[in-house]
Amino acid sequence: MSLWSVPDQETMTLMRHFYETWLGGASKREALRQAQAVVRREHEFTPYYWGAFVLIGE
């Protein structure tokens, strides 16, 4: 879930990386961590865009 409103394009990029990693066999927690790392490194998103997302549940 997102703690604040994030623009659609940045959300789509993060979620694409999340689902690719999760469906590739990683846990949801690891998939979110890796997706956030990718958008920080490759897309140079500021924390405003990737820090809004938190994992609820398993």
C-alpha atoms as a PDB file:
ATOM      1  CA  MET A   1       0.000   0.000   0.000  1.00  0.00           C
ATOM      2  CA  SER A   2       1.025   3.589  -0.457  1.00  0.00           C
ATOM      3  CA  LEU A   3       1.180   6.005   2.483  1.00  0.00           C
ATOM      4  CA  TRP A   4       0.693   9.006   0.190  1.00  0.00           C
ATOM      5  CA  SER A   5      -0.289   9.706  -3.385  1.00  0.00           C
ATOM      6  CA  VAL A   6       2.435   8.851  -5.899  1.00  0.00           C
ATOM      7  CA  PRO A   7       2.176   9.729  -9.620  1.00  0.00           C
ATOM      8  CA  ASP A   8       1.010   6.900 -11.887  1.00  0.00           C
ATOM      9  CA  GLN A   9       4.195   6.599 -13.970  1.00  0.00           C
ATOM     10  CA  GLU A  10       6.472   6.187 -10.957  1.00  0.00           C
ATOM     11  CA  THR A  11       4.025   3.750  -9.312  1.00  0.00           C
ATOM     12  CA  MET A  12       3.858   1.684 -12.489  1.00  0.00           C
ATOM     13  CA  THR A  13       7.653   1.476 -12.674  1.00  0.00           C
ATOM     14  CA  LEU A  14       8.005   0.354  -9.057  1.00  0.00           C
ATOM     15  CA  MET A  15       5.160  -2.172  -9.341  1.00  0.00           C
ATOM     16  CA  ARG A  16       6.554  -3.609 -12.577  1.00  0.00           C
ATOM     17  CA  HIS A  17       9.864  -4.328 -10.833  1.00  0.00           C
ATOM     18  CA  PHE A  18       8.040  -5.656  -7.758  1.00  0.00           C
ATOM     19  CA  TYR A  19       5.895  -8.135  -9.707  1.00  0.00           C
ATOM     20  CA  GLU A  20       8.765  -9.299 -11.915  1.00  0.00           C
ATOM     21  CA  THR A  21      10.812 -10.109  -8.822  1.00  0.00           C
ATOM     22  CA  TRP A  22       7.951 -11.619  -6.803  1.00  0.00           C
ATOM     23  CA  LEU A  23       6.712 -13.791  -9.672  1.00  0.00           C
ATOM     24  CA  GLY A  24      10.325 -14.802 -10.237  1.00  0.00           C
ATOM     25  CA  GLY A  25      10.335 -16.529  -6.856  1.00  0.00           C
ATOM     26  CA  ALA A  26      11.294 -13.910  -4.272  1.00  0.00           C
ATOM     27  CA  SER A  27       9.193 -13.286  -1.177  1.00  0.00           C
ATOM     28  CA  LYS A  28       6.949 -10.219  -1.255  1.00  0.00           C
ATOM     29  CA  ARG A  29       9.192  -8.487   1.277  1.00  0.00           C
ATOM     30  CA  GLU A  30      12.323  -9.161  -0.779  1.00  0.00           C
ATOM     31  CA  ALA A  31      10.564  -8.203  -4.020  1.00  0.00           C
ATOM     32  CA  LEU A  32       9.573  -4.807  -2.600  1.00  0.00           C
ATOM     33  CA  ARG A  33      13.088  -4.233  -1.251  1.00  0.00           C
ATOM     34  CA  GLN A  34      14.644  -5.096  -4.596  1.00  0.00           C
ATOM     35  CA  ALA A  35      12.119  -3.011  -6.554  1.00  0.00           C
ATOM     36  CA  GLN A  36      12.860   0.003  -4.370  1.00  0.00           C
ATOM     37  CA  ALA A  37      16.590  -0.515  -4.868  1.00  0.00           C
ATOM     38  CA  VAL A  38      16.160  -0.690  -8.649  1.00  0.00           C
ATOM     39  CA  VAL A  39      14.141   2.520  -8.885  1.00  0.00           C
ATOM     40  CA  ARG A  40      16.643   4.310  -6.642  1.00  0.00           C
ATOM     41  CA  ARG A  41      19.593   3.109  -8.701  1.00  0.00           C
ATOM     42  CA  GLU A  42      18.350   2.848 -12.292  1.00  0.00           C
ATOM     43  CA  HIS A  43      15.580   5.428 -12.388  1.00  0.00           C
ATOM     44  CA  GLU A  44      17.068   7.752  -9.775  1.00  0.00           C
ATOM     45  CA  PHE A  45      13.694   8.251  -8.090  1.00  0.00           C
ATOM     46  CA  THR A  46      13.794  10.300  -4.906  1.00  0.00           C
ATOM     47  CA  PRO A  47      12.483   8.705  -1.685  1.00  0.00           C
ATOM     48  CA  TYR A  48       9.199  10.554  -2.248  1.00  0.00           C
ATOM     49  CA  TYR A  49       8.378   8.059  -5.018  1.00  0.00           C
ATOM     50  CA  TRP A  50       9.578   4.750  -3.561  1.00  0.00           C
ATOM     51  CA  GLY A  51       9.361   5.448   0.177  1.00  0.00           C
ATOM     52  CA  ALA A  52       5.572   5.739   0.109  1.00  0.00           C
ATOM     53  CA  PHE A  53       5.131   1.992  -0.385  1.00  0.00           C
ATOM     54  CA  VAL A  54       4.929  -0.431   2.512  1.00  0.00           C
ATOM     55  CA  LEU A  55       4.074  -4.112   2.654  1.00  0.00           C
ATOM     56  CA  ILE A  56       1.056  -5.179   4.711  1.00  0.00           C
ATOM     57  CA  GLY A  57       0.824  -8.867   5.570  1.00  0.00           C
ATOM     58  CA  GLU A  58       2.979 -11.621   4.167  1.00  0.00           C
END
